[in-house]
C-alpha cells in the first residue's frame, strides 16, 4: 500500500466529515429518521420498503465504516479507500440528480434547496483522485 503525502489532507478531511455524519445519524429522532428515509427513497425506491430506523442504522454504519477506512491511512490502500468513498459519494450524487427540486430544470446548477447535496460532488472527485493514483504504475507497490 502506497499512501502519499498529498493523500493525507484528502483522506483526513473527508474521513472525519463522513465519520462525523455516521456518528450523528446514530442519534436522530423519529421525525428526522423518517425524513431521511423518505428523501432517500426518491432516488433509491427499495428504501421505501425498509423500516426507516433500519435504513438510518445501515446508513450510519456505512458512513462510520467508510470514514474509518479513509482515516486508516497506513492500513487501507488509497484504491480501497477511494472505491468505498466513490460508492458513498456516488450515491449522494445520484440522490441530488434524482430528487425533484434539487437542481434547476434542464441544468445541473443547484437550487437553494439542492445546495447541501450538490456540494457532495467533491467527495466523488476525491474518490476518483485516490482511485486513479492507486491504479497508476507508481500509485501502488507491485
Protein backbone atom coordinates (compact mmCIF):
# COMPACT_ATOMS: atom_id res chain seq x y z
CA UNK A 1 0.00 0.00 0.00
CA UNK A 2 1.46 3.28 -1.05
CA UNK A 3 -0.02 6.35 0.58
CA UNK A 4 1.47 9.63 -0.47
CA UNK A 5 1.69 12.89 1.43
CA UNK A 6 -0.96 14.53 -0.76
CA UNK A 7 -3.44 11.77 0.18
CA UNK A 8 -3.38 12.81 3.84
CA UNK A 9 -5.37 16.06 3.68
CA UNK A 10 -7.92 14.48 1.34
CA UNK A 11 -8.38 11.38 3.45
CA UNK A 12 -8.34 13.14 6.82
CA UNK A 13 -10.81 15.88 5.91
CA UNK A 14 -13.17 13.55 4.08
CA UNK A 15 -12.81 10.74 6.60
CA UNK A 16 -13.60 13.00 9.55
CA UNK A 17 -16.57 14.51 7.71
CA UNK A 18 -18.07 11.12 6.79
CA UNK A 19 -17.32 9.61 10.22
CA UNK A 20 -18.99 12.56 11.95
CA UNK A 21 -22.03 12.18 9.72
CA UNK A 22 -22.29 8.49 10.60
CA UNK A 23 -22.00 9.16 14.32
CA UNK A 24 -24.60 11.94 14.06
CA UNK A 25 -27.02 9.62 12.28
CA UNK A 26 -26.95 7.34 15.35
CA UNK A 27 -28.74 9.99 17.41
CA UNK A 28 -31.63 11.01 15.16
CA UNK A 29 -35.16 11.45 16.42
CA UNK A 30 -38.08 9.60 14.81
CA UNK A 31 -39.12 12.53 12.58
CA UNK A 32 -35.63 13.03 11.19
CA UNK A 33 -35.21 9.29 10.55
CA UNK A 34 -38.49 9.27 8.61
CA UNK A 35 -37.47 12.36 6.60
CA UNK A 36 -34.09 10.79 5.78
CA UNK A 37 -35.68 7.55 4.56
CA UNK A 38 -38.33 9.41 2.56
CA UNK A 39 -35.69 11.56 0.86
CA UNK A 40 -33.54 8.53 0.03
CA UNK A 41 -36.50 6.62 -1.39
CA UNK A 42 -36.89 9.27 -4.13
CA UNK A 43 -33.59 8.14 -5.66
CA UNK A 44 -33.50 4.59 -4.32
CA UNK A 45 -37.05 3.14 -4.46
CA UNK A 46 -36.25 -0.02 -2.41
CA UNK A 47 -35.65 2.23 0.61
CA UNK A 48 -39.41 2.91 0.67
CA UNK A 49 -39.94 -0.75 1.64
CA UNK A 50 -37.47 -0.56 4.54
CA UNK A 51 -38.17 0.32 8.13
CA UNK A 52 -36.87 3.92 8.49
CA UNK A 53 -34.97 3.04 11.69
CA UNK A 54 -33.26 0.14 9.92
CA UNK A 55 -32.33 2.39 6.98
CA UNK A 56 -30.88 5.01 9.34
CA UNK A 57 -28.87 2.34 11.17
CA UNK A 58 -27.47 0.98 7.88
CA UNK A 59 -26.62 4.47 6.67
CA UNK A 60 -24.91 5.30 9.96
CA UNK A 61 -22.89 2.07 9.98
CA UNK A 62 -21.86 2.59 6.34
CA UNK A 63 -20.71 6.14 6.99
CA UNK A 64 -18.74 5.07 10.07
CA UNK A 65 -17.01 2.27 8.14
CA UNK A 66 -16.17 4.50 5.16
CA UNK A 67 -14.94 7.31 7.40
CA UNK A 68 -12.78 4.87 9.35
CA UNK A 69 -11.37 3.37 6.13
CA UNK A 70 -10.38 6.82 4.93
CA UNK A 71 -8.72 7.62 8.26
CA UNK A 72 -6.82 4.31 8.44
CA UNK A 73 -4.16 5.68 6.10
CA UNK A 74 -1.39 3.15 6.61
CA UNK A 75 -3.76 0.15 6.71
CA UNK A 76 -6.28 0.81 3.93
CA UNK A 77 -4.90 1.41 0.44
CA UNK A 78 -5.79 4.57 -1.47
CA UNK A 79 -7.53 2.40 -4.05
CA UNK A 80 -9.75 0.67 -1.47
CA UNK A 81 -10.49 3.93 0.34
CA UNK A 82 -11.28 5.64 -2.96
CA UNK A 83 -13.60 2.88 -4.10
CA UNK A 84 -15.58 2.95 -0.85
CA UNK A 85 -15.81 6.73 -0.96
CA UNK A 86 -16.91 6.65 -4.59
CA UNK A 87 -19.76 4.32 -3.68
CA UNK A 88 -20.92 6.66 -0.94
CA UNK A 89 -20.32 9.93 -2.82
CA UNK A 90 -21.86 8.50 -5.99
CA UNK A 91 -24.99 7.60 -4.02
CA UNK A 92 -25.28 11.16 -2.77
CA UNK A 93 -24.71 12.46 -6.30
CA UNK A 94 -27.48 10.18 -7.57
CA UNK A 95 -29.77 11.45 -4.82
CA UNK A 96 -29.05 15.02 -5.94
CA UNK A 97 -29.73 14.21 -9.59
CA UNK A 98 -32.93 12.20 -9.00
CA UNK A 99 -34.64 14.28 -6.31
CA UNK A 100 -37.05 16.89 -7.71
CA UNK A 101 -36.21 20.47 -6.83
CA UNK A 102 -32.52 19.90 -6.14
CA UNK A 103 -31.31 21.46 -9.39
CA UNK A 104 -32.59 23.91 -11.98
CA UNK A 105 -34.69 22.40 -14.79
CA UNK A 106 -32.51 21.11 -17.66
CA UNK A 107 -29.38 22.00 -15.69
CA UNK A 108 -27.03 20.63 -13.06
CA UNK A 109 -26.97 24.03 -11.36
CA UNK A 110 -28.30 23.60 -7.80
CA UNK A 111 -31.33 25.35 -6.38
CA UNK A 112 -31.12 26.74 -2.85
CA UNK A 113 -32.68 23.51 -1.63
CA UNK A 114 -30.17 21.41 -3.58
CA UNK A 115 -27.01 23.19 -2.45
CA UNK A 116 -26.39 20.91 0.57
CA UNK A 117 -26.36 17.85 -1.74
CA UNK A 118 -24.58 19.50 -4.67
CA UNK A 119 -21.53 20.08 -2.52
CA UNK A 120 -21.13 16.31 -2.15
CA UNK A 121 -19.67 16.07 -5.65
CA UNK A 122 -16.33 16.92 -4.01
CA UNK A 123 -16.36 13.50 -2.35
CA UNK A 124 -16.62 11.78 -5.72
CA UNK A 125 -13.76 13.92 -7.05
CA UNK A 126 -11.55 12.98 -4.08
CA UNK A 127 -12.50 9.33 -4.54
CA UNK A 128 -11.56 9.44 -8.21
CA UNK A 129 -8.21 11.06 -7.40
CA UNK A 130 -7.41 8.27 -4.92
CA UNK A 131 -8.56 5.58 -7.37
CA UNK A 132 -6.59 7.00 -10.29
CA UNK A 133 -3.47 7.29 -8.17
CA UNK A 134 -3.99 3.80 -6.77
CA UNK A 135 -4.26 2.35 -10.28
CA UNK A 136 -1.34 4.29 -11.77
CA UNK A 137 2.01 2.47 -12.11
CA UNK A 138 3.62 4.50 -9.32
CA UNK A 139 0.47 4.52 -7.24
CA UNK A 140 0.84 1.08 -5.69
CA UNK A 141 3.56 -1.41 -5.00
CA UNK A 142 3.73 -4.39 -7.31
